[in-house]
Amino acid sequence: MFTLRAAVMWTVNDFSAYAMVSGWSTKGYMACPVSKADVTSGWHAGKVCYLGHQIWLPWDHEWREKDKVFDGNTEHRLRPRKWSGDEIMEQLNRLDFAHSEKQLVRPDLLHI
């Protein structure tokens, strides 16, 4: 017998397929499927950068107040809530997809 030790070296994420299947934009200012409209992003060096990473720390963590370690701001928001599968299905059922031969109208997923 032996003890097997393993580590995850990398993962493969297919965000392009995620965008096509779900309809959620995986590029630009609101690409995070977890934060949705609550993401803090900005433009830096020709690319969209995501800020406010302290939001994922516990509320009483000492780094929440260390503005110089992150983007120069302290974070006072709570982390985004986790949606249940039933809540997501309820949101999807409220969408009205209008199809035409010339143009596909995309629903506004941020204001559900």
PDB file of N, CA and C in Angstrom:
ATOM      1  N   MET A   1       0.837  -1.185   0.000  1.00  0.00           N
ATOM      2  CA  MET A   1       0.000   0.000   0.000  1.00  0.00           C
ATOM      3  C   MET A   1       0.875   1.239   0.000  1.00  0.00           C
ATOM      4  N   PHE A   2       0.316   2.304  -0.548  1.00  0.00           N
ATOM      5  CA  PHE A   2       1.021   3.578  -0.541  1.00  0.00           C
ATOM      6  C   PHE A   2      -0.008   4.702  -0.423  1.00  0.00           C
ATOM      7  N   THR A   3       0.455   5.863  -0.026  1.00  0.00           N
ATOM      8  CA  THR A   3      -0.402   7.038   0.080  1.00  0.00           C
ATOM      9  C   THR A   3      -0.272   7.851  -1.197  1.00  0.00           C
ATOM     10  N   LEU A   4      -1.367   8.028  -1.878  1.00  0.00           N
ATOM     11  CA  LEU A   4      -1.366   8.800  -3.111  1.00  0.00           C
ATOM     12  C   LEU A   4      -1.607  10.265  -2.778  1.00  0.00           C
ATOM     13  N   ARG A   5      -0.727  11.122  -3.269  1.00  0.00           N
ATOM     14  CA  ARG A   5      -0.887  12.570  -3.096  1.00  0.00           C
ATOM     15  C   ARG A   5      -1.011  13.181  -4.483  1.00  0.00           C
ATOM     16  N   ALA A   6      -1.979  14.045  -4.626  1.00  0.00           N
ATOM     17  CA  ALA A   6      -2.229  14.658  -5.932  1.00  0.00           C
ATOM     18  C   ALA A   6      -2.478  16.150  -5.771  1.00  0.00           C
ATOM     19  N   ALA A   7      -2.239  16.867  -6.831  1.00  0.00           N
ATOM     20  CA  ALA A   7      -2.494  18.307  -6.857  1.00  0.00           C
ATOM     21  C   ALA A   7      -3.095  18.673  -8.204  1.00  0.00           C
ATOM     22  N   VAL A   8      -3.970  19.649  -8.203  1.00  0.00           N
ATOM     23  CA  VAL A   8      -4.524  20.155  -9.456  1.00  0.00           C
ATOM     24  C   VAL A   8      -3.520  21.135 -10.028  1.00  0.00           C
ATOM     25  N   MET A   9      -2.966  20.806 -11.174  1.00  0.00           N
ATOM     26  CA  MET A   9      -1.954  21.660 -11.796  1.00  0.00           C
ATOM     27  C   MET A   9      -2.608  22.753 -12.629  1.00  0.00           C
ATOM     28  N   TRP A  10      -3.682  22.433 -13.324  1.00  0.00           N
ATOM     29  CA  TRP A  10      -4.411  23.415 -14.119  1.00  0.00           C
ATOM     30  C   TRP A  10      -5.782  22.842 -14.432  1.00  0.00           C
ATOM     31  N   THR A  11      -6.664  23.691 -14.880  1.00  0.00           N
ATOM     32  CA  THR A  11      -7.984  23.250 -15.313  1.00  0.00           C
ATOM     33  C   THR A  11      -8.247  23.815 -16.701  1.00  0.00           C
ATOM     34  N   VAL A  12      -9.136  23.182 -17.409  1.00  0.00           N
ATOM     35  CA  VAL A  12      -9.526  23.658 -18.730  1.00  0.00           C
ATOM     36  C   VAL A  12     -10.930  24.239 -18.593  1.00  0.00           C
ATOM     37  N   ASN A  13     -11.063  25.511 -18.910  1.00  0.00           N
ATOM     38  CA  ASN A  13     -12.358  26.180 -18.837  1.00  0.00           C
ATOM     39  C   ASN A  13     -12.760  26.625 -20.233  1.00  0.00           C
ATOM     40  N   ASP A  14     -13.901  26.219 -20.648  1.00  0.00           N
ATOM     41  CA  ASP A  14     -14.373  26.569 -21.980  1.00  0.00           C
ATOM     42  C   ASP A  14     -15.407  27.685 -21.867  1.00  0.00           C
ATOM     43  N   PHE A  15     -14.920  28.907 -21.638  1.00  0.00           N
ATOM     44  CA  PHE A  15     -15.820  30.045 -21.479  1.00  0.00           C
ATOM     45  C   PHE A  15     -16.514  30.407 -22.784  1.00  0.00           C
ATOM     46  N   SER A  16     -15.901  30.110 -23.917  1.00  0.00           N
ATOM     47  CA  SER A  16     -16.561  30.402 -25.195  1.00  0.00           C
ATOM     48  C   SER A  16     -17.834  29.579 -25.343  1.00  0.00           C
ATOM     49  N   ALA A  17     -17.750  28.302 -25.025  1.00  0.00           N
ATOM     50  CA  ALA A  17     -18.934  27.446 -25.094  1.00  0.00           C
ATOM     51  C   ALA A  17     -19.955  27.870 -24.051  1.00  0.00           C
ATOM     52  N   TYR A  18     -19.486  28.273 -22.880  1.00  0.00           N
ATOM     53  CA  TYR A  18     -20.390  28.758 -21.831  1.00  0.00           C
ATOM     54  C   TYR A  18     -21.191  29.954 -22.336  1.00  0.00           C
ATOM     55  N   ALA A  19     -20.535  30.862 -23.051  1.00  0.00           N
ATOM     56  CA  ALA A  19     -21.214  32.045 -23.589  1.00  0.00           C
ATOM     57  C   ALA A  19     -22.256  31.648 -24.626  1.00  0.00           C
ATOM     58  N   MET A  20     -21.918  30.699 -25.491  1.00  0.00           N
ATOM     59  CA  MET A  20     -22.858  30.300 -26.540  1.00  0.00           C
ATOM     60  C   MET A  20     -24.076  29.576 -25.967  1.00  0.00           C
ATOM     61  N   VAL A  21     -23.861  28.732 -24.975  1.00  0.00           N
ATOM     62  CA  VAL A  21     -24.955  27.950 -24.415  1.00  0.00           C
ATOM     63  C   VAL A  21     -25.854  28.804 -23.526  1.00  0.00           C
ATOM     64  N   SER A  22     -25.257  29.633 -22.677  1.00  0.00           N
ATOM     65  CA  SER A  22     -26.043  30.380 -21.696  1.00  0.00           C
ATOM     66  C   SER A  22     -26.530  31.726 -22.200  1.00  0.00           C
ATOM     67  N   GLY A  23     -25.827  32.314 -23.156  1.00  0.00           N
ATOM     68  CA  GLY A  23     -26.178  33.646 -23.611  1.00  0.00           C
ATOM     69  C   GLY A  23     -25.539  34.744 -22.785  1.00  0.00           C
ATOM     70  N   TRP A  24     -24.770  34.375 -21.767  1.00  0.00           N
ATOM     71  CA  TRP A  24     -24.101  35.354 -20.912  1.00  0.00           C
ATOM     72  C   TRP A  24     -22.793  35.768 -21.570  1.00  0.00           C
ATOM     73  N   SER A  25     -22.525  37.062 -21.602  1.00  0.00           N
ATOM     74  CA  SER A  25     -21.287  37.547 -22.200  1.00  0.00           C
ATOM     75  C   SER A  25     -20.106  37.167 -21.315  1.00  0.00           C
ATOM     76  N   THR A  26     -19.119  36.540 -21.887  1.00  0.00           N
ATOM     77  CA  THR A  26     -17.933  36.148 -21.119  1.00  0.00           C
ATOM     78  C   THR A  26     -16.756  37.061 -21.416  1.00  0.00           C
ATOM     79  N   LYS A  27     -17.028  38.204 -22.010  1.00  0.00           N
ATOM     80  CA  LYS A  27     -15.987  39.189 -22.303  1.00  0.00           C
ATOM     81  C   LYS A  27     -16.501  40.557 -21.889  1.00  0.00           C
ATOM     82  N   GLY A  28     -15.591  41.451 -21.574  1.00  0.00           N
ATOM     83  CA  GLY A  28     -15.993  42.818 -21.276  1.00  0.00           C
ATOM     84  C   GLY A  28     -16.185  43.082 -19.798  1.00  0.00           C
ATOM     85  N   TYR A  29     -16.955  44.113 -19.511  1.00  0.00           N
ATOM     86  CA  TYR A  29     -17.065  44.626 -18.151  1.00  0.00           C
ATOM     87  C   TYR A  29     -17.856  43.741 -17.201  1.00  0.00           C
ATOM     88  N   MET A  30     -18.797  42.951 -17.677  1.00  0.00           N
ATOM     89  CA  MET A  30     -19.611  42.118 -16.791  1.00  0.00           C
ATOM     90  C   MET A  30     -19.492  40.647 -17.157  1.00  0.00           C
ATOM     91  N   ALA A  31     -18.285  40.150 -17.278  1.00  0.00           N
ATOM     92  CA  ALA A  31     -18.074  38.781 -17.733  1.00  0.00           C
ATOM     93  C   ALA A  31     -18.204  37.744 -16.625  1.00  0.00           C
ATOM     94  N   CYS A  32     -18.181  38.155 -15.384  1.00  0.00           N
ATOM     95  CA  CYS A  32     -18.223  37.192 -14.282  1.00  0.00           C
ATOM     96  C   CYS A  32     -19.631  36.621 -14.129  1.00  0.00           C
ATOM     97  N   PRO A  33     -19.815  35.306 -14.308  1.00  0.00           N
ATOM     98  CA  PRO A  33     -21.145  34.728 -14.182  1.00  0.00           C
ATOM     99  C   PRO A  33     -21.623  34.632 -12.738  1.00  0.00           C
ATOM    100  N   VAL A  34     -20.727  34.808 -11.770  1.00  0.00           N
ATOM    101  CA  VAL A  34     -21.116  34.768 -10.363  1.00  0.00           C
ATOM    102  C   VAL A  34     -21.554  36.147  -9.889  1.00  0.00           C
ATOM    103  N   SER A  35     -20.742  37.160 -10.153  1.00  0.00           N
ATOM    104  CA  SER A  35     -21.054  38.514  -9.694  1.00  0.00           C
ATOM    105  C   SER A  35     -22.141  39.172 -10.526  1.00  0.00           C
ATOM    106  N   LYS A  36     -22.279  38.781 -11.772  1.00  0.00           N
ATOM    107  CA  LYS A  36     -23.247  39.339 -12.714  1.00  0.00           C
ATOM    108  C   LYS A  36     -23.109  40.849 -12.778  1.00  0.00           C
ATOM    109  N   ALA A  37     -24.143  41.605 -12.412  1.00  0.00           N
ATOM    110  CA  ALA A  37     -24.110  43.069 -12.545  1.00  0.00           C
ATOM    111  C   ALA A  37     -23.338  43.738 -11.414  1.00  0.00           C
ATOM    112  N   ASP A  38     -22.973  43.013 -10.368  1.00  0.00           N
ATOM    113  CA  ASP A  38     -22.284  43.604  -9.220  1.00  0.00           C
ATOM    114  C   ASP A  38     -20.770  43.615  -9.366  1.00  0.00           C
ATOM    115  N   VAL A  39     -20.253  43.266 -10.517  1.00  0.00           N
ATOM    116  CA  VAL A  39     -18.807  43.211 -10.716  1.00  0.00           C
ATOM    117  C   VAL A  39     -18.246  44.627 -10.817  1.00  0.00           C
ATOM    118  N   THR A  40     -17.053  44.820 -10.248  1.00  0.00           N
ATOM    119  CA  THR A  40     -16.350  46.092 -10.357  1.00  0.00           C
ATOM    120  C   THR A  40     -15.236  45.898 -11.372  1.00  0.00           C
ATOM    121  N   SER A  41     -15.293  46.656 -12.458  1.00  0.00           N
ATOM    122  CA  SER A  41     -14.292  46.498 -13.507  1.00  0.00           C
ATOM    123  C   SER A  41     -13.876  47.861 -14.027  1.00  0.00           C
ATOM    124  N   GLY A  42     -12.728  47.886 -14.665  1.00  0.00           N
ATOM    125  CA  GLY A  42     -12.218  49.122 -15.234  1.00  0.00           C
ATOM    126  C   GLY A  42     -11.301  48.823 -16.405  1.00  0.00           C
ATOM    127  N   TRP A  43     -10.887  49.850 -17.099  1.00  0.00           N
ATOM    128  CA  TRP A  43     -10.043  49.726 -18.274  1.00  0.00           C
ATOM    129  C   TRP A  43      -8.614  50.047 -17.874  1.00  0.00           C
ATOM    130  N   HIS A  44      -7.675  49.132 -18.149  1.00  0.00           N
ATOM    131  CA  HIS A  44      -6.274  49.361 -17.809  1.00  0.00           C
ATOM    132  C   HIS A  44      -5.397  48.650 -18.834  1.00  0.00           C
ATOM    133  N   ALA A  45      -4.443  49.363 -19.382  1.00  0.00           N
ATOM    134  CA  ALA A  45      -3.461  48.814 -20.325  1.00  0.00           C
ATOM    135  C   ALA A  45      -4.125  48.130 -21.515  1.00  0.00           C
ATOM    136  N   GLY A  46      -5.219  48.691 -21.994  1.00  0.00           N
ATOM    137  CA  GLY A  46      -5.880  48.150 -23.167  1.00  0.00           C
ATOM    138  C   GLY A  46      -6.743  46.934 -22.911  1.00  0.00           C
ATOM    139  N   LYS A  47      -7.002  46.618 -21.645  1.00  0.00           N
ATOM    140  CA  LYS A  47      -7.809  45.449 -21.315  1.00  0.00           C
ATOM    141  C   LYS A  47      -8.761  45.781 -20.177  1.00  0.00           C
ATOM    142  N   VAL A  48      -9.826  45.001 -20.078  1.00  0.00           N
ATOM    143  CA  VAL A  48     -10.752  45.140 -18.961  1.00  0.00           C
ATOM    144  C   VAL A  48     -10.152  44.420 -17.763  1.00  0.00           C
ATOM    145  N   CYS A  49     -10.079  45.112 -16.631  1.00  0.00           N
ATOM    146  CA  CYS A  49      -9.541  44.536 -15.396  1.00  0.00           C
ATOM    147  C   CYS A  49     -10.657  44.460 -14.363  1.00  0.00           C
ATOM    148  N   TYR A  50     -10.626  43.439 -13.555  1.00  0.00           N
ATOM    149  CA  TYR A  50     -11.644  43.248 -12.529  1.00  0.00           C
ATOM    150  C   TYR A  50     -11.062  43.625 -11.179  1.00  0.00           C
ATOM    151  N   LEU A  51     -11.806  44.447 -10.450  1.00  0.00           N
ATOM    152  CA  LEU A  51     -11.342  45.019  -9.195  1.00  0.00           C
ATOM    153  C   LEU A  51     -12.242  44.556  -8.054  1.00  0.00           C
ATOM    154  N   GLY A  52     -11.890  44.959  -6.845  1.00  0.00           N
ATOM    155  CA  GLY A  52     -12.731  44.648  -5.694  1.00  0.00           C
ATOM    156  C   GLY A  52     -12.624  43.214  -5.235  1.00  0.00           C
ATOM    157  N   HIS A  53     -11.444  42.621  -5.340  1.00  0.00           N
ATOM    158  CA  HIS A  53     -11.281  41.220  -4.962  1.00  0.00           C
ATOM    159  C   HIS A  53     -11.464  40.984  -3.464  1.00  0.00           C
ATOM    160  N   GLN A  54     -11.390  42.054  -2.661  1.00  0.00           N
ATOM    161  CA  GLN A  54     -11.588  41.894  -1.218  1.00  0.00           C
ATOM    162  C   GLN A  54     -13.000  41.421  -0.901  1.00  0.00           C
ATOM    163  N   ILE A  55     -13.912  41.565  -1.842  1.00  0.00           N
ATOM    164  CA  ILE A  55     -15.301  41.174  -1.618  1.00  0.00           C
ATOM    165  C   ILE A  55     -15.416  39.682  -1.274  1.00  0.00           C
ATOM    166  N   TRP A  56     -14.454  38.883  -1.703  1.00  0.00           N
ATOM    167  CA  TRP A  56     -14.487  37.443  -1.462  1.00  0.00           C
ATOM    168  C   TRP A  56     -13.889  37.063  -0.116  1.00  0.00           C
ATOM    169  N   LEU A  57     -13.250  38.008   0.561  1.00  0.00           N
ATOM    170  CA  LEU A  57     -12.684  37.739   1.878  1.00  0.00           C
ATOM    171  C   LEU A  57     -13.786  37.738   2.931  1.00  0.00           C
ATOM    172  N   PRO A  58     -13.578  37.027   4.051  1.00  0.00           N
ATOM    173  CA  PRO A  58     -14.557  37.105   5.140  1.00  0.00           C
ATOM    174  C   PRO A  58     -14.723  38.553   5.609  1.00  0.00           C
ATOM    175  N   TRP A  59     -15.899  38.882   6.136  1.00  0.00           N
ATOM    176  CA  TRP A  59     -16.230  40.254   6.501  1.00  0.00           C
ATOM    177  C   TRP A  59     -15.233  40.856   7.496  1.00  0.00           C
ATOM    178  N   ASP A  60     -14.714  40.061   8.413  1.00  0.00           N
ATOM    179  CA  ASP A  60     -13.818  40.587   9.445  1.00  0.00           C
ATOM    180  C   ASP A  60     -12.336  40.371   9.115  1.00  0.00           C
ATOM    181  N   HIS A  61     -12.023  40.043   7.877  1.00  0.00           N
ATOM    182  CA  HIS A  61     -10.632  39.805   7.490  1.00  0.00           C
ATOM    183  C   HIS A  61      -9.857  41.113   7.484  1.00  0.00           C
ATOM    184  N   GLU A  62      -8.607  41.076   7.948  1.00  0.00           N
ATOM    185  CA  GLU A  62      -7.798  42.287   8.059  1.00  0.00           C
ATOM    186  C   GLU A  62      -7.479  42.916   6.702  1.00  0.00           C
ATOM    187  N   TRP A  63      -7.449  42.142   5.636  1.00  0.00           N
ATOM    188  CA  TRP A  63      -7.085  42.684   4.329  1.00  0.00           C
ATOM    189  C   TRP A  63      -8.207  43.487   3.677  1.00  0.00           C
ATOM    190  N   ARG A  64      -9.427  43.418   4.197  1.00  0.00           N
ATOM    191  CA  ARG A  64     -10.517  44.206   3.621  1.00  0.00           C
ATOM    192  C   ARG A  64     -10.221  45.697   3.705  1.00  0.00           C
ATOM    193  N   GLU A  65      -9.456  46.110   4.690  1.00  0.00           N
ATOM    194  CA  GLU A  65      -9.133  47.529   4.877  1.00  0.00           C
ATOM    195  C   GLU A  65      -7.798  47.921   4.247  1.00  0.00           C
ATOM    196  N   LYS A  66      -7.045  46.963   3.716  1.00  0.00           N
ATOM    197  CA  LYS A  66      -5.741  47.266   3.113  1.00  0.00           C
ATOM    198  C   LYS A  66      -5.944  47.679   1.663  1.00  0.00           C
ATOM    199  N   ASP A  67      -6.132  48.973   1.457  1.00  0.00           N
ATOM    200  CA  ASP A  67      -6.426  49.456   0.119  1.00  0.00           C
ATOM    201  C   ASP A  67      -5.226  49.412  -0.813  1.00  0.00           C
ATOM    202  N   LYS A  68      -4.029  49.590  -0.306  1.00  0.00           N
ATOM    203  CA  LYS A  68      -2.842  49.630  -1.166  1.00  0.00           C
ATOM    204  C   LYS A  68      -2.470  48.249  -1.703  1.00  0.00           C
ATOM    205  N   VAL A  69      -2.885  47.204  -1.042  1.00  0.00           N
ATOM    206  CA  VAL A  69      -2.595  45.841  -1.489  1.00  0.00           C
ATOM    207  C   VAL A  69      -3.425  45.502  -2.735  1.00  0.00           C
ATOM    208  N   PHE A  70      -4.586  46.116  -2.867  1.00  0.00           N
ATOM    209  CA  PHE A  70      -5.488  45.806  -3.972  1.00  0.00           C
ATOM    210  C   PHE A  70      -5.501  46.954  -4.983  1.00  0.00           C
ATOM    211  N   ASP A  71      -6.610  47.637  -5.137  1.00  0.00           N
ATOM    212  CA  ASP A  71      -6.736  48.662  -6.179  1.00  0.00           C
ATOM    213  C   ASP A  71      -6.817  50.081  -5.629  1.00  0.00           C
ATOM    214  N   GLY A  72      -6.440  50.285  -4.379  1.00  0.00           N
ATOM    215  CA  GLY A  72      -6.486  51.611  -3.778  1.00  0.00           C
ATOM    216  C   GLY A  72      -7.796  51.918  -3.079  1.00  0.00           C
ATOM    217  N   ASN A  73      -8.709  50.971  -3.037  1.00  0.00           N
ATOM    218  CA  ASN A  73     -10.006  51.167  -2.382  1.00  0.00           C
ATOM    219  C   ASN A  73     -10.232  50.093  -1.333  1.00  0.00           C
ATOM    220  N   THR A  74     -10.945  50.460  -0.275  1.00  0.00           N
ATOM    221  CA  THR A  74     -11.394  49.455   0.689  1.00  0.00           C
ATOM    222  C   THR A  74     -12.740  48.925   0.211  1.00  0.00           C
ATOM    223  N   GLU A  75     -13.070  47.721   0.596  1.00  0.00           N
ATOM    224  CA  GLU A  75     -14.296  47.075   0.124  1.00  0.00           C
ATOM    225  C   GLU A  75     -15.255  46.901   1.284  1.00  0.00           C
ATOM    226  N   HIS A  76     -16.469  47.439   1.141  1.00  0.00           N
ATOM    227  CA  HIS A  76     -17.472  47.356   2.203  1.00  0.00           C
ATOM    228  C   HIS A  76     -18.720  46.597   1.764  1.00  0.00           C
ATOM    229  N   ARG A  77     -18.707  46.063   0.548  1.00  0.00           N
ATOM    230  CA  ARG A  77     -19.854  45.284   0.077  1.00  0.00           C
ATOM    231  C   ARG A  77     -19.725  43.836   0.536  1.00  0.00           C
ATOM    232  N   LEU A  78     -20.845  43.149   0.619  1.00  0.00           N
ATOM    233  CA  LEU A  78     -20.843  41.716   0.895  1.00  0.00           C
ATOM    234  C   LEU A  78     -20.588  40.964  -0.405  1.00  0.00           C
ATOM    235  N   ARG A  79     -20.140  39.726  -0.295  1.00  0.00           N
ATOM    236  CA  ARG A  79     -19.930  38.925  -1.500  1.00  0.00           C
ATOM    237  C   ARG A  79     -21.276  38.646  -2.167  1.00  0.00           C
ATOM    238  N   PRO A  80     -21.269  38.405  -3.471  1.00  0.00           N
ATOM    239  CA  PRO A  80     -22.533  38.161  -4.180  1.00  0.00           C
ATOM    240  C   PRO A  80     -23.245  36.929  -3.633  1.00  0.00           C
ATOM    241  N   ARG A  81     -24.547  36.975  -3.653  1.00  0.00           N
ATOM    242  CA  ARG A  81     -25.318  35.838  -3.142  1.00  0.00           C
ATOM    243  C   ARG A  81     -25.255  34.677  -4.125  1.00  0.00           C
ATOM    244  N   LYS A  82     -25.444  33.486  -3.621  1.00  0.00           N
ATOM    245  CA  LYS A  82     -25.488  32.297  -4.476  1.00  0.00           C
ATOM    246  C   LYS A  82     -26.945  32.037  -4.841  1.00  0.00           C
ATOM    247  N   TRP A  83     -27.196  31.918  -6.132  1.00  0.00           N
ATOM    248  CA  TRP A  83     -28.544  31.661  -6.611  1.00  0.00           C
ATOM    249  C   TRP A  83     -28.793  30.157  -6.623  1.00  0.00           C
ATOM    250  N   SER A  84     -29.959  29.744  -6.198  1.00  0.00           N
ATOM    251  CA  SER A  84     -30.307  28.325  -6.263  1.00  0.00           C
ATOM    252  C   SER A  84     -30.747  27.988  -7.686  1.00  0.00           C
ATOM    253  N   GLY A  85     -30.775  26.715  -7.999  1.00  0.00           N
ATOM    254  CA  GLY A  85     -31.214  26.290  -9.323  1.00  0.00           C
ATOM    255  C   GLY A  85     -32.655  26.695  -9.601  1.00  0.00           C
ATOM    256  N   ASP A  86     -33.521  26.639  -8.574  1.00  0.00           N
ATOM    257  CA  ASP A  86     -34.921  27.036  -8.747  1.00  0.00           C
ATOM    258  C   ASP A  86     -35.045  28.526  -9.042  1.00  0.00           C
ATOM    259  N   GLU A  87     -34.224  29.353  -8.384  1.00  0.00           N
ATOM    260  CA  GLU A  87     -34.263  30.798  -8.633  1.00  0.00           C
ATOM    261  C   GLU A  87     -33.805  31.127 -10.052  1.00  0.00           C
ATOM    262  N   ILE A  88     -32.785  30.429 -10.517  1.00  0.00           N
ATOM    263  CA  ILE A  88     -32.299  30.657 -11.881  1.00  0.00           C
ATOM    264  C   ILE A  88     -33.352  30.222 -12.897  1.00  0.00           C
ATOM    265  N   MET A  89     -33.997  29.080 -12.659  1.00  0.00           N
ATOM    266  CA  MET A  89     -35.058  28.628 -13.563  1.00  0.00           C
ATOM    267  C   MET A  89     -36.223  29.612 -13.577  1.00  0.00           C
ATOM    268  N   GLU A  90     -36.553  30.185 -12.425  1.00  0.00           N
ATOM    269  CA  GLU A  90     -37.622  31.182 -12.361  1.00  0.00           C
ATOM    270  C   GLU A  90     -37.269  32.413 -13.197  1.00  0.00           C
ATOM    271  N   GLN A  91     -36.024  32.847 -13.127  1.00  0.00           N
ATOM    272  CA  GLN A  91     -35.575  33.983 -13.936  1.00  0.00           C
ATOM    273  C   GLN A  91     -35.648  33.647 -15.424  1.00  0.00           C
ATOM    274  N   LEU A  92     -35.204  32.458 -15.790  1.00  0.00           N
ATOM    275  CA  LEU A  92     -35.228  32.054 -17.198  1.00  0.00           C
ATOM    276  C   LEU A  92     -36.649  31.921 -17.732  1.00  0.00           C
ATOM    277  N   ASN A  93     -37.564  31.456 -16.897  1.00  0.00           N
ATOM    278  CA  ASN A  93     -38.952  31.311 -17.333  1.00  0.00           C
ATOM    279  C   ASN A  93     -39.623  32.660 -17.574  1.00  0.00           C
ATOM    280  N   ARG A  94     -39.114  33.721 -16.953  1.00  0.00           N
ATOM    281  CA  ARG A  94     -39.680  35.057 -17.153  1.00  0.00           C
ATOM    282  C   ARG A  94     -39.179  35.724 -18.431  1.00  0.00           C
ATOM    283  N   LEU A  95     -38.178  35.151 -19.071  1.00  0.00           N
ATOM    284  CA  LEU A  95     -37.629  35.750 -20.291  1.00  0.00           C
ATOM    285  C   LEU A  95     -38.540  35.488 -21.478  1.00  0.00           C
ATOM    286  N   ASP A  96     -38.604  36.466 -22.357  1.00  0.00           N
ATOM    287  CA  ASP A  96     -39.369  36.328 -23.586  1.00  0.00           C
ATOM    288  C   ASP A  96     -38.394  36.464 -24.747  1.00  0.00           C
ATOM    289  N   PHE A  97     -38.101  35.367 -25.411  1.00  0.00           N
ATOM    290  CA  PHE A  97     -37.176  35.376 -26.537  1.00  0.00           C
ATOM    291  C   PHE A  97     -37.961  35.621 -27.821  1.00  0.00           C
ATOM    292  N   ALA A  98     -37.665  36.731 -28.487  1.00  0.00           N
ATOM    293  CA  ALA A  98     -38.327  37.059 -29.750  1.00  0.00           C
ATOM    294  C   ALA A  98     -37.373  36.723 -30.891  1.00  0.00           C
ATOM    295  N   HIS A  99     -37.788  35.858 -31.791  1.00  0.00           N
ATOM    296  CA  HIS A  99     -36.948  35.448 -32.917  1.00  0.00           C
ATOM    297  C   HIS A  99     -37.550  35.967 -34.219  1.00  0.00           C
ATOM    298  N   SER A 100     -36.709  36.414 -35.089  1.00  0.00           N
ATOM    299  CA  SER A 100     -37.132  36.755 -36.442  1.00  0.00           C
ATOM    300  C   SER A 100     -36.057  36.246 -37.390  1.00  0.00           C
ATOM    301  N   GLU A 101     -36.368  36.209 -38.661  1.00  0.00           N
ATOM    302  CA  GLU A 101     -35.393  35.703 -39.621  1.00  0.00           C
ATOM    303  C   GLU A 101     -34.227  36.658 -39.801  1.00  0.00           C
ATOM    304  N   LYS A 102     -34.467  37.954 -39.630  1.00  0.00           N
ATOM    305  CA  LYS A 102     -33.416  38.933 -39.859  1.00  0.00           C
ATOM    306  C   LYS A 102     -32.557  39.193 -38.626  1.00  0.00           C
ATOM    307  N   GLN A 103     -33.174  39.202 -37.458  1.00  0.00           N
ATOM    308  CA  GLN A 103     -32.435  39.635 -36.276  1.00  0.00           C
ATOM    309  C   GLN A 103     -32.884  38.835 -35.061  1.00  0.00           C
ATOM    310  N   LEU A 104     -31.940  38.469 -34.237  1.00  0.00           N
ATOM    311  CA  LEU A 104     -32.230  37.810 -32.975  1.00  0.00           C
ATOM    312  C   LEU A 104     -32.156  38.861 -31.881  1.00  0.00           C
ATOM    313  N   VAL A 105     -33.240  39.062 -31.171  1.00  0.00           N
ATOM    314  CA  VAL A 105     -33.277  40.058 -30.104  1.00  0.00           C
ATOM    315  C   VAL A 105     -32.811  39.384 -28.827  1.00  0.00           C
ATOM    316  N   ARG A 106     -31.747  39.915 -28.227  1.00  0.00           N
ATOM    317  CA  ARG A 106     -31.221  39.338 -26.993  1.00  0.00           C
ATOM    318  C   ARG A 106     -31.951  39.943 -25.802  1.00  0.00           C
ATOM    319  N   PRO A 107     -32.392  39.144 -24.858  1.00  0.00           N
ATOM    320  CA  PRO A 107     -33.056  39.688 -23.673  1.00  0.00           C
ATOM    321  C   PRO A 107     -32.050  40.379 -22.761  1.00  0.00           C
ATOM    322  N   ASP A 108     -32.528  41.307 -21.969  1.00  0.00           N
ATOM    323  CA  ASP A 108     -31.682  42.016 -21.018  1.00  0.00           C
ATOM    324  C   ASP A 108     -31.601  41.175 -19.749  1.00  0.00           C
ATOM    325  N   LEU A 109     -30.562  40.368 -19.608  1.00  0.00           N
ATOM    326  CA  LEU A 109     -30.435  39.441 -18.488  1.00  0.00           C
ATOM    327  C   LEU A 109     -30.062  40.122 -17.182  1.00  0.00           C
ATOM    328  N   LEU A 110     -29.614  41.366 -17.222  1.00  0.00           N
ATOM    329  CA  LEU A 110     -29.183  42.038 -15.999  1.00  0.00           C
ATOM    330  C   LEU A 110     -30.339  42.617 -15.210  1.00  0.00           C
ATOM    331  N   HIS A 111     -31.496  42.770 -15.809  1.00  0.00           N
ATOM    332  CA  HIS A 111     -32.620  43.404 -15.122  1.00  0.00           C
ATOM    333  C   HIS A 111     -33.760  42.426 -14.902  1.00  0.00           C
ATOM    334  N   ILE A 112     -33.412  41.234 -14.489  1.00  0.00           N
ATOM    335  CA  ILE A 112     -34.422  40.203 -14.235  1.00  0.00           C
ATOM    336  C   ILE A 112     -34.837  40.298 -12.795  1.00  0.00           C
TER     337      ILE A 112
END
